[in-house]
Amino acid sequence: MTAPATRADLFAFFDRHGVDHVTHEHAPVHRVEDGHGIKAHLPGGHSKNLFLKDHRAQLWLISALGETRIDLKALPPVIGSGRLSFGREELMVETLGVTPGSVTAFGLINDKARRVRFVLDAALAAADPVNFHPLSNDATTAVSQAGFRKFLAALDIEPLIVDFEAMTLAAR
């Protein structure tokens, strides 16, 4: 197994693919709630990211706006998964090259075998710029929505876009 990409590797990848990026260093943030003060000073959509596994062993990464409610019980028929639970740390490190608290869509750069299916919140897909941790939770990197799509295209990843807000409204 090769070593996971570093922040420098990620930024070099962005540069090779014409993805402009701006990074803000900050104290480590372990939960969405911990980053509210940081986010207040950074424009755009701020993400929360869930690393999941279904009972058929399929891995999933969900990236949504930080305030988005995600109903894991209602999600399987929408994305075509089995029953979902949080993925083990070992699997997260093995596939995305990150540890809990640092889960990020940018970790897809490490999923060379394409074991992880990527689900993107429709609201985050409409935000510009979008903000993710650059493989560690002590910084936030902003890229334009077009830049984020270039990143995904360079990895040959087509996200499954889900309108979590509509799911929540439909459940009421």
N, C-alpha and C. Protein backbone atom coordinates (compact mmCIF):
# COMPACT_ATOMS: atom_id res chain seq x y z
N MET A 1 0.85 -1.19 0.00
CA MET A 1 0.00 0.00 0.00
C MET A 1 0.89 1.25 0.00
N THR A 2 0.55 2.20 -0.85
CA THR A 2 1.33 3.43 -0.90
C THR A 2 0.89 4.38 0.20
N ALA A 3 1.78 5.28 0.56
CA ALA A 3 1.47 6.27 1.59
C ALA A 3 0.37 7.20 1.08
N PRO A 4 -0.53 7.62 1.97
CA PRO A 4 -1.59 8.53 1.53
C PRO A 4 -1.02 9.89 1.14
N ALA A 5 -1.76 10.58 0.31
CA ALA A 5 -1.36 11.92 -0.11
C ALA A 5 -1.27 12.84 1.10
N THR A 6 -0.32 13.73 1.06
CA THR A 6 -0.16 14.77 2.09
C THR A 6 -0.89 16.03 1.62
N ARG A 7 -0.93 17.01 2.47
CA ARG A 7 -1.53 18.29 2.08
C ARG A 7 -0.77 18.87 0.88
N ALA A 8 0.56 18.77 0.90
CA ALA A 8 1.36 19.27 -0.22
C ALA A 8 1.03 18.51 -1.51
N ASP A 9 0.82 17.20 -1.41
CA ASP A 9 0.43 16.41 -2.59
C ASP A 9 -0.93 16.87 -3.11
N LEU A 10 -1.86 17.12 -2.21
CA LEU A 10 -3.19 17.59 -2.61
C LEU A 10 -3.08 18.92 -3.33
N PHE A 11 -2.32 19.85 -2.78
CA PHE A 11 -2.19 21.16 -3.40
C PHE A 11 -1.48 21.06 -4.76
N ALA A 12 -0.50 20.17 -4.88
CA ALA A 12 0.18 19.96 -6.16
C ALA A 12 -0.81 19.40 -7.18
N PHE A 13 -1.69 18.50 -6.74
CA PHE A 13 -2.74 17.95 -7.61
C PHE A 13 -3.65 19.07 -8.09
N PHE A 14 -4.09 19.92 -7.16
CA PHE A 14 -4.92 21.06 -7.54
C PHE A 14 -4.21 21.90 -8.61
N ASP A 15 -2.95 22.21 -8.36
CA ASP A 15 -2.19 23.06 -9.29
C ASP A 15 -2.08 22.41 -10.67
N ARG A 16 -1.82 21.10 -10.71
CA ARG A 16 -1.70 20.39 -12.00
C ARG A 16 -3.02 20.42 -12.78
N HIS A 17 -4.14 20.48 -12.06
CA HIS A 17 -5.44 20.43 -12.71
C HIS A 17 -6.14 21.78 -12.77
N GLY A 18 -5.42 22.85 -12.48
CA GLY A 18 -5.98 24.18 -12.60
C GLY A 18 -7.07 24.51 -11.60
N VAL A 19 -6.95 23.96 -10.39
CA VAL A 19 -7.92 24.22 -9.33
C VAL A 19 -7.32 25.26 -8.37
N ASP A 20 -7.84 26.49 -8.46
CA ASP A 20 -7.39 27.53 -7.52
C ASP A 20 -7.86 27.17 -6.13
N HIS A 21 -7.02 27.42 -5.14
CA HIS A 21 -7.35 27.05 -3.76
C HIS A 21 -6.75 28.05 -2.80
N VAL A 22 -7.47 28.28 -1.70
CA VAL A 22 -7.02 29.16 -0.63
C VAL A 22 -7.18 28.39 0.67
N THR A 23 -6.12 28.35 1.47
CA THR A 23 -6.16 27.59 2.72
C THR A 23 -5.97 28.51 3.91
N HIS A 24 -6.78 28.27 4.93
CA HIS A 24 -6.72 29.03 6.18
C HIS A 24 -6.34 28.05 7.28
N GLU A 25 -5.21 28.31 7.94
CA GLU A 25 -4.77 27.48 9.06
C GLU A 25 -5.59 27.85 10.29
N HIS A 26 -5.87 26.88 11.16
CA HIS A 26 -6.59 27.14 12.41
C HIS A 26 -6.34 26.00 13.38
N ALA A 27 -6.82 26.17 14.59
CA ALA A 27 -6.72 25.09 15.58
C ALA A 27 -7.52 23.88 15.08
N PRO A 28 -7.12 22.67 15.46
CA PRO A 28 -7.87 21.49 15.02
C PRO A 28 -9.35 21.58 15.39
N VAL A 29 -10.19 21.14 14.45
CA VAL A 29 -11.64 21.12 14.62
C VAL A 29 -12.07 19.67 14.50
N HIS A 30 -12.71 19.15 15.54
CA HIS A 30 -13.08 17.74 15.54
C HIS A 30 -14.54 17.49 15.19
N ARG A 31 -15.38 18.50 15.40
CA ARG A 31 -16.81 18.36 15.07
C ARG A 31 -17.27 19.64 14.38
N VAL A 32 -18.34 19.52 13.62
CA VAL A 32 -18.88 20.68 12.90
C VAL A 32 -19.10 21.84 13.86
N GLU A 33 -19.66 21.55 15.02
CA GLU A 33 -19.99 22.61 15.99
C GLU A 33 -18.75 23.37 16.47
N ASP A 34 -17.60 22.70 16.48
CA ASP A 34 -16.37 23.33 16.96
C ASP A 34 -15.86 24.41 16.00
N GLY A 35 -16.31 24.39 14.76
CA GLY A 35 -15.75 25.30 13.77
C GLY A 35 -16.56 26.53 13.47
N HIS A 36 -17.62 26.79 14.23
CA HIS A 36 -18.49 27.92 13.90
C HIS A 36 -17.74 29.25 13.88
N GLY A 37 -16.84 29.49 14.81
CA GLY A 37 -16.09 30.74 14.84
C GLY A 37 -15.19 30.90 13.63
N ILE A 38 -14.60 29.81 13.19
CA ILE A 38 -13.73 29.84 12.01
C ILE A 38 -14.55 30.11 10.76
N LYS A 39 -15.67 29.41 10.65
CA LYS A 39 -16.50 29.52 9.46
C LYS A 39 -17.10 30.91 9.27
N ALA A 40 -17.32 31.60 10.37
CA ALA A 40 -17.92 32.93 10.29
C ALA A 40 -17.06 33.88 9.45
N HIS A 41 -15.76 33.60 9.35
CA HIS A 41 -14.84 34.48 8.63
C HIS A 41 -14.50 33.97 7.23
N LEU A 42 -15.05 32.82 6.85
CA LEU A 42 -14.74 32.24 5.55
C LEU A 42 -16.02 32.13 4.71
N PRO A 43 -16.05 32.73 3.53
CA PRO A 43 -17.26 32.67 2.70
C PRO A 43 -17.50 31.28 2.12
N GLY A 44 -18.72 31.04 1.69
CA GLY A 44 -19.05 29.82 0.97
C GLY A 44 -19.69 28.76 1.82
N GLY A 45 -19.85 27.58 1.22
CA GLY A 45 -20.46 26.45 1.88
C GLY A 45 -19.43 25.67 2.68
N HIS A 46 -19.76 25.43 3.93
CA HIS A 46 -18.87 24.67 4.83
C HIS A 46 -19.43 23.27 4.98
N SER A 47 -18.56 22.30 4.88
CA SER A 47 -19.01 20.92 4.79
C SER A 47 -18.94 20.15 6.10
N LYS A 48 -19.82 19.15 6.15
CA LYS A 48 -19.65 18.07 7.11
C LYS A 48 -19.57 16.83 6.25
N ASN A 49 -18.79 15.87 6.72
CA ASN A 49 -18.49 14.71 5.90
C ASN A 49 -18.64 13.45 6.74
N LEU A 50 -19.38 12.49 6.21
CA LEU A 50 -19.64 11.25 6.92
C LEU A 50 -19.06 10.09 6.13
N PHE A 51 -18.26 9.26 6.80
CA PHE A 51 -17.71 8.05 6.19
C PHE A 51 -18.55 6.88 6.68
N LEU A 52 -19.21 6.21 5.74
CA LEU A 52 -20.18 5.18 6.09
C LEU A 52 -19.89 3.87 5.36
N LYS A 53 -20.48 2.83 5.90
CA LYS A 53 -20.39 1.50 5.30
C LYS A 53 -21.78 0.90 5.36
N ASP A 54 -22.18 0.21 4.30
CA ASP A 54 -23.46 -0.46 4.39
C ASP A 54 -23.25 -1.93 4.71
N HIS A 55 -24.35 -2.64 4.96
CA HIS A 55 -24.22 -4.03 5.40
C HIS A 55 -23.71 -4.95 4.29
N ARG A 56 -23.61 -4.42 3.06
CA ARG A 56 -23.04 -5.20 1.95
C ARG A 56 -21.56 -4.87 1.76
N ALA A 57 -20.97 -4.12 2.71
CA ALA A 57 -19.55 -3.74 2.72
C ALA A 57 -19.21 -2.64 1.72
N GLN A 58 -20.22 -1.98 1.11
CA GLN A 58 -19.95 -0.84 0.24
C GLN A 58 -19.63 0.37 1.12
N LEU A 59 -18.61 1.12 0.75
CA LEU A 59 -18.20 2.31 1.49
C LEU A 59 -18.81 3.55 0.83
N TRP A 60 -19.15 4.53 1.68
CA TRP A 60 -19.80 5.75 1.22
C TRP A 60 -19.16 6.95 1.90
N LEU A 61 -19.02 8.04 1.16
CA LEU A 61 -18.63 9.32 1.72
C LEU A 61 -19.73 10.30 1.37
N ILE A 62 -20.30 10.92 2.40
CA ILE A 62 -21.34 11.92 2.20
C ILE A 62 -20.77 13.27 2.59
N SER A 63 -20.85 14.24 1.67
CA SER A 63 -20.43 15.61 1.94
C SER A 63 -21.66 16.49 1.81
N ALA A 64 -21.95 17.22 2.89
CA ALA A 64 -23.14 18.07 2.93
C ALA A 64 -22.80 19.39 3.61
N LEU A 65 -23.69 20.36 3.45
CA LEU A 65 -23.51 21.59 4.22
C LEU A 65 -23.52 21.24 5.70
N GLY A 66 -22.74 21.95 6.48
CA GLY A 66 -22.59 21.66 7.90
C GLY A 66 -23.87 21.60 8.68
N GLU A 67 -24.86 22.40 8.32
CA GLU A 67 -26.12 22.44 9.07
C GLU A 67 -27.16 21.45 8.54
N THR A 68 -26.82 20.69 7.52
CA THR A 68 -27.76 19.76 6.90
C THR A 68 -28.06 18.58 7.81
N ARG A 69 -29.34 18.23 7.88
CA ARG A 69 -29.76 17.05 8.64
C ARG A 69 -29.74 15.86 7.69
N ILE A 70 -29.06 14.79 8.10
CA ILE A 70 -28.96 13.59 7.28
C ILE A 70 -29.57 12.44 8.06
N ASP A 71 -30.65 11.89 7.53
CA ASP A 71 -31.34 10.78 8.15
C ASP A 71 -30.79 9.47 7.57
N LEU A 72 -29.90 8.83 8.31
CA LEU A 72 -29.24 7.62 7.81
C LEU A 72 -30.21 6.46 7.62
N LYS A 73 -31.33 6.47 8.33
CA LYS A 73 -32.32 5.40 8.16
C LYS A 73 -33.12 5.57 6.87
N ALA A 74 -33.36 6.81 6.45
CA ALA A 74 -34.13 7.08 5.24
C ALA A 74 -33.26 7.10 3.98
N LEU A 75 -31.95 7.17 4.15
CA LEU A 75 -31.05 7.35 3.02
C LEU A 75 -30.85 6.12 2.11
N PRO A 76 -30.80 4.90 2.63
CA PRO A 76 -30.49 3.75 1.76
C PRO A 76 -31.29 3.64 0.47
N PRO A 77 -32.62 3.77 0.48
CA PRO A 77 -33.33 3.65 -0.81
C PRO A 77 -33.01 4.81 -1.77
N VAL A 78 -32.62 5.94 -1.24
CA VAL A 78 -32.31 7.10 -2.07
C VAL A 78 -30.98 6.91 -2.80
N ILE A 79 -30.00 6.32 -2.14
CA ILE A 79 -28.68 6.16 -2.75
C ILE A 79 -28.41 4.73 -3.23
N GLY A 80 -29.33 3.83 -2.96
CA GLY A 80 -29.15 2.45 -3.41
C GLY A 80 -28.19 1.65 -2.55
N SER A 81 -28.19 1.95 -1.27
CA SER A 81 -27.30 1.23 -0.35
C SER A 81 -28.09 0.26 0.51
N GLY A 82 -27.34 -0.54 1.25
CA GLY A 82 -27.94 -1.32 2.32
C GLY A 82 -27.99 -0.44 3.57
N ARG A 83 -28.36 -1.04 4.69
CA ARG A 83 -28.41 -0.33 5.97
C ARG A 83 -27.04 0.30 6.24
N LEU A 84 -27.03 1.56 6.66
CA LEU A 84 -25.79 2.31 6.83
C LEU A 84 -25.36 2.40 8.28
N SER A 85 -24.05 2.36 8.48
CA SER A 85 -23.46 2.63 9.79
C SER A 85 -22.13 3.35 9.53
N PHE A 86 -21.57 3.92 10.57
CA PHE A 86 -20.30 4.62 10.41
C PHE A 86 -19.19 3.62 10.15
N GLY A 87 -18.31 3.97 9.21
CA GLY A 87 -17.20 3.10 8.86
C GLY A 87 -16.12 3.12 9.93
N ARG A 88 -15.42 2.02 10.07
CA ARG A 88 -14.33 1.92 11.04
C ARG A 88 -13.16 2.82 10.67
N GLU A 89 -12.45 3.28 11.68
CA GLU A 89 -11.30 4.16 11.46
C GLU A 89 -10.28 3.51 10.54
N GLU A 90 -10.03 2.21 10.69
CA GLU A 90 -9.03 1.54 9.86
C GLU A 90 -9.40 1.63 8.38
N LEU A 91 -10.69 1.46 8.08
CA LEU A 91 -11.15 1.56 6.69
C LEU A 91 -11.02 2.99 6.17
N MET A 92 -11.30 3.96 7.02
CA MET A 92 -11.20 5.36 6.66
C MET A 92 -9.75 5.70 6.29
N VAL A 93 -8.82 5.26 7.13
CA VAL A 93 -7.40 5.52 6.88
C VAL A 93 -6.96 4.80 5.60
N GLU A 94 -7.39 3.56 5.45
CA GLU A 94 -7.01 2.74 4.30
C GLU A 94 -7.51 3.33 2.98
N THR A 95 -8.74 3.83 2.95
CA THR A 95 -9.34 4.29 1.70
C THR A 95 -9.19 5.79 1.45
N LEU A 96 -9.37 6.60 2.47
CA LEU A 96 -9.33 8.05 2.29
C LEU A 96 -8.05 8.70 2.82
N GLY A 97 -7.27 7.94 3.59
CA GLY A 97 -6.01 8.47 4.10
C GLY A 97 -6.18 9.53 5.18
N VAL A 98 -7.33 9.51 5.86
CA VAL A 98 -7.61 10.49 6.92
C VAL A 98 -8.11 9.75 8.16
N THR A 99 -8.11 10.47 9.27
CA THR A 99 -8.58 9.93 10.54
C THR A 99 -9.87 10.63 10.94
N PRO A 100 -10.62 10.07 11.91
CA PRO A 100 -11.85 10.74 12.35
C PRO A 100 -11.58 12.19 12.74
N GLY A 101 -12.49 13.05 12.38
CA GLY A 101 -12.33 14.48 12.62
C GLY A 101 -11.71 15.20 11.44
N SER A 102 -11.12 14.44 10.53
CA SER A 102 -10.49 15.02 9.34
C SER A 102 -11.12 14.52 8.05
N VAL A 103 -12.28 13.87 8.15
CA VAL A 103 -12.93 13.33 6.95
C VAL A 103 -13.26 14.49 6.01
N THR A 104 -12.96 14.29 4.74
CA THR A 104 -13.08 15.34 3.75
C THR A 104 -13.25 14.74 2.36
N ALA A 105 -13.98 15.45 1.50
CA ALA A 105 -14.10 15.01 0.11
C ALA A 105 -12.73 14.99 -0.57
N PHE A 106 -11.82 15.82 -0.11
CA PHE A 106 -10.48 15.81 -0.69
C PHE A 106 -9.75 14.49 -0.42
N GLY A 107 -10.21 13.72 0.55
CA GLY A 107 -9.64 12.40 0.82
C GLY A 107 -9.86 11.43 -0.33
N LEU A 108 -10.77 11.74 -1.23
CA LEU A 108 -11.01 10.87 -2.38
C LEU A 108 -9.76 10.73 -3.24
N ILE A 109 -8.83 11.66 -3.11
CA ILE A 109 -7.56 11.58 -3.83
C ILE A 109 -6.80 10.30 -3.45
N ASN A 110 -7.04 9.79 -2.27
CA ASN A 110 -6.36 8.59 -1.78
C ASN A 110 -7.06 7.29 -2.12
N ASP A 111 -8.28 7.36 -2.61
CA ASP A 111 -9.06 6.15 -2.91
C ASP A 111 -8.75 5.67 -4.31
N LYS A 112 -7.54 5.17 -4.50
CA LYS A 112 -7.07 4.75 -5.83
C LYS A 112 -7.92 3.60 -6.40
N ALA A 113 -8.41 2.73 -5.54
CA ALA A 113 -9.20 1.58 -5.99
C ALA A 113 -10.68 1.94 -6.19
N ARG A 114 -11.07 3.19 -5.91
CA ARG A 114 -12.45 3.67 -6.05
C ARG A 114 -13.43 2.77 -5.30
N ARG A 115 -13.09 2.51 -4.05
CA ARG A 115 -13.96 1.69 -3.19
C ARG A 115 -15.08 2.51 -2.57
N VAL A 116 -14.91 3.84 -2.53
CA VAL A 116 -15.86 4.72 -1.85
C VAL A 116 -16.77 5.39 -2.87
N ARG A 117 -18.07 5.28 -2.65
CA ARG A 117 -19.04 6.01 -3.48
C ARG A 117 -19.28 7.36 -2.84
N PHE A 118 -19.30 8.39 -3.67
CA PHE A 118 -19.39 9.77 -3.19
C PHE A 118 -20.78 10.32 -3.37
N VAL A 119 -21.38 10.78 -2.26
CA VAL A 119 -22.70 11.41 -2.27
C VAL A 119 -22.52 12.87 -1.87
N LEU A 120 -23.04 13.75 -2.70
CA LEU A 120 -22.89 15.19 -2.49
C LEU A 120 -24.26 15.82 -2.28
N ASP A 121 -24.39 16.58 -1.20
CA ASP A 121 -25.60 17.32 -0.88
C ASP A 121 -25.87 18.35 -1.98
N ALA A 122 -27.11 18.41 -2.46
CA ALA A 122 -27.47 19.37 -3.51
C ALA A 122 -27.16 20.80 -3.09
N ALA A 123 -27.37 21.12 -1.82
CA ALA A 123 -27.09 22.49 -1.35
C ALA A 123 -25.59 22.78 -1.39
N LEU A 124 -24.76 21.80 -1.04
CA LEU A 124 -23.31 22.00 -1.11
C LEU A 124 -22.87 22.06 -2.57
N ALA A 125 -23.53 21.30 -3.44
CA ALA A 125 -23.22 21.32 -4.86
C ALA A 125 -23.54 22.67 -5.50
N ALA A 126 -24.39 23.46 -4.84
CA ALA A 126 -24.76 24.78 -5.34
C ALA A 126 -23.95 25.90 -4.69
N ALA A 127 -23.23 25.59 -3.63
CA ALA A 127 -22.46 26.60 -2.90
C ALA A 127 -21.19 26.97 -3.66
N ASP A 128 -20.76 28.20 -3.50
CA ASP A 128 -19.53 28.65 -4.15
C ASP A 128 -18.92 29.79 -3.35
N PRO A 129 -17.72 29.60 -2.83
CA PRO A 129 -16.88 28.42 -2.91
C PRO A 129 -17.34 27.34 -1.92
N VAL A 130 -16.65 26.20 -1.97
CA VAL A 130 -16.89 25.13 -1.00
C VAL A 130 -15.63 24.98 -0.16
N ASN A 131 -15.83 24.61 1.10
CA ASN A 131 -14.74 24.53 2.07
C ASN A 131 -14.65 23.13 2.66
N PHE A 132 -13.45 22.56 2.62
CA PHE A 132 -13.18 21.24 3.18
C PHE A 132 -11.84 21.28 3.90
N HIS A 133 -11.63 20.34 4.81
CA HIS A 133 -10.31 20.17 5.40
C HIS A 133 -9.38 19.62 4.32
N PRO A 134 -8.13 20.11 4.29
CA PRO A 134 -7.16 19.60 3.32
C PRO A 134 -6.42 18.37 3.86
N LEU A 135 -7.16 17.31 4.17
CA LEU A 135 -6.66 16.03 4.66
C LEU A 135 -6.30 16.02 6.14
N SER A 136 -6.43 17.17 6.80
CA SER A 136 -6.26 17.24 8.25
C SER A 136 -7.16 18.35 8.76
N ASN A 137 -7.54 18.25 10.04
CA ASN A 137 -8.56 19.16 10.57
C ASN A 137 -8.00 20.44 11.18
N ASP A 138 -6.76 20.78 10.84
CA ASP A 138 -6.16 22.00 11.37
C ASP A 138 -6.07 23.10 10.31
N ALA A 139 -6.87 22.97 9.27
CA ALA A 139 -6.94 23.98 8.21
C ALA A 139 -8.23 23.76 7.44
N THR A 140 -8.63 24.80 6.71
CA THR A 140 -9.78 24.72 5.81
C THR A 140 -9.34 25.25 4.46
N THR A 141 -9.65 24.51 3.41
CA THR A 141 -9.29 24.91 2.06
C THR A 141 -10.56 25.19 1.27
N ALA A 142 -10.58 26.36 0.64
CA ALA A 142 -11.70 26.78 -0.19
C ALA A 142 -11.33 26.62 -1.65
N VAL A 143 -12.26 26.05 -2.42
CA VAL A 143 -12.13 25.98 -3.87
C VAL A 143 -13.48 26.40 -4.45
N SER A 144 -13.45 26.92 -5.65
CA SER A 144 -14.72 27.26 -6.30
C SER A 144 -15.49 25.99 -6.60
N GLN A 145 -16.77 26.12 -6.85
CA GLN A 145 -17.57 24.95 -7.23
C GLN A 145 -17.02 24.35 -8.52
N ALA A 146 -16.64 25.21 -9.47
CA ALA A 146 -16.05 24.72 -10.71
C ALA A 146 -14.74 23.99 -10.44
N GLY A 147 -13.95 24.53 -9.52
CA GLY A 147 -12.70 23.87 -9.14
C GLY A 147 -12.94 22.53 -8.48
N PHE A 148 -13.96 22.45 -7.63
CA PHE A 148 -14.29 21.19 -6.98
C PHE A 148 -14.70 20.16 -8.02
N ARG A 149 -15.47 20.57 -9.02
CA ARG A 149 -15.89 19.65 -10.08
C ARG A 149 -14.68 19.20 -10.91
N LYS A 150 -13.70 20.11 -11.12
CA LYS A 150 -12.47 19.73 -11.82
C LYS A 150 -11.72 18.67 -11.02
N PHE A 151 -11.65 18.88 -9.70
CA PHE A 151 -10.99 17.91 -8.82
C PHE A 151 -11.64 16.54 -8.96
N LEU A 152 -12.96 16.48 -8.86
CA LEU A 152 -13.67 15.21 -8.98
C LEU A 152 -13.48 14.60 -10.37
N ALA A 153 -13.56 15.41 -11.41
CA ALA A 153 -13.39 14.91 -12.78
C ALA A 153 -11.99 14.35 -12.99
N ALA A 154 -10.98 15.00 -12.42
CA ALA A 154 -9.60 14.52 -12.54
C ALA A 154 -9.43 13.15 -11.88
N LEU A 155 -10.27 12.88 -10.89
CA LEU A 155 -10.25 11.58 -10.21
C LEU A 155 -11.22 10.59 -10.86
N ASP A 156 -11.93 11.04 -11.88
CA ASP A 156 -12.95 10.24 -12.57
C ASP A 156 -14.07 9.84 -11.61
N ILE A 157 -14.51 10.81 -10.81
CA ILE A 157 -15.59 10.58 -9.85
C ILE A 157 -16.78 11.44 -10.23
N GLU A 158 -17.91 10.80 -10.39
CA GLU A 158 -19.18 11.49 -10.64
C GLU A 158 -20.00 11.38 -9.36
N PRO A 159 -20.22 12.49 -8.66
CA PRO A 159 -20.96 12.39 -7.40
C PRO A 159 -22.43 12.05 -7.63
N LEU A 160 -23.00 11.36 -6.67
CA LEU A 160 -24.45 11.16 -6.62
C LEU A 160 -24.99 12.34 -5.82
N ILE A 161 -25.78 13.18 -6.45
CA ILE A 161 -26.27 14.39 -5.77
C ILE A 161 -27.63 14.09 -5.16
N VAL A 162 -27.74 14.38 -3.87
CA VAL A 162 -28.96 14.12 -3.11
C VAL A 162 -29.42 15.42 -2.46
N ASP A 163 -30.70 15.70 -2.57
CA ASP A 163 -31.28 16.88 -1.95
C ASP A 163 -31.74 16.50 -0.53
N PHE A 164 -30.83 16.64 0.43
CA PHE A 164 -31.13 16.25 1.80
C PHE A 164 -32.23 17.12 2.42
N GLU A 165 -32.29 18.38 2.00
CA GLU A 165 -33.34 19.27 2.52
C GLU A 165 -34.72 18.75 2.09
N ALA A 166 -34.85 18.34 0.83
CA ALA A 166 -36.13 17.81 0.35
C ALA A 166 -36.48 16.51 1.07
N MET A 167 -35.46 15.69 1.34
CA MET A 167 -35.70 14.43 2.09
C MET A 167 -36.26 14.75 3.47
N THR A 168 -35.69 15.75 4.13
CA THR A 168 -36.13 16.12 5.47
C THR A 168 -37.57 16.65 5.43
N LEU A 169 -37.86 17.48 4.43
CA LEU A 169 -39.22 18.02 4.31
C LEU A 169 -40.22 16.91 3.99
N ALA A 170 -39.85 15.97 3.17
CA ALA A 170 -40.74 14.86 2.81
C ALA A 170 -41.02 13.95 4.01
N ALA A 171 -40.08 13.88 4.93
CA ALA A 171 -40.24 13.01 6.10
C ALA A 171 -41.17 13.62 7.14
N ARG A 172 -41.46 14.90 7.01
CA ARG A 172 -42.32 15.55 8.01
C ARG A 172 -43.76 15.25 7.78
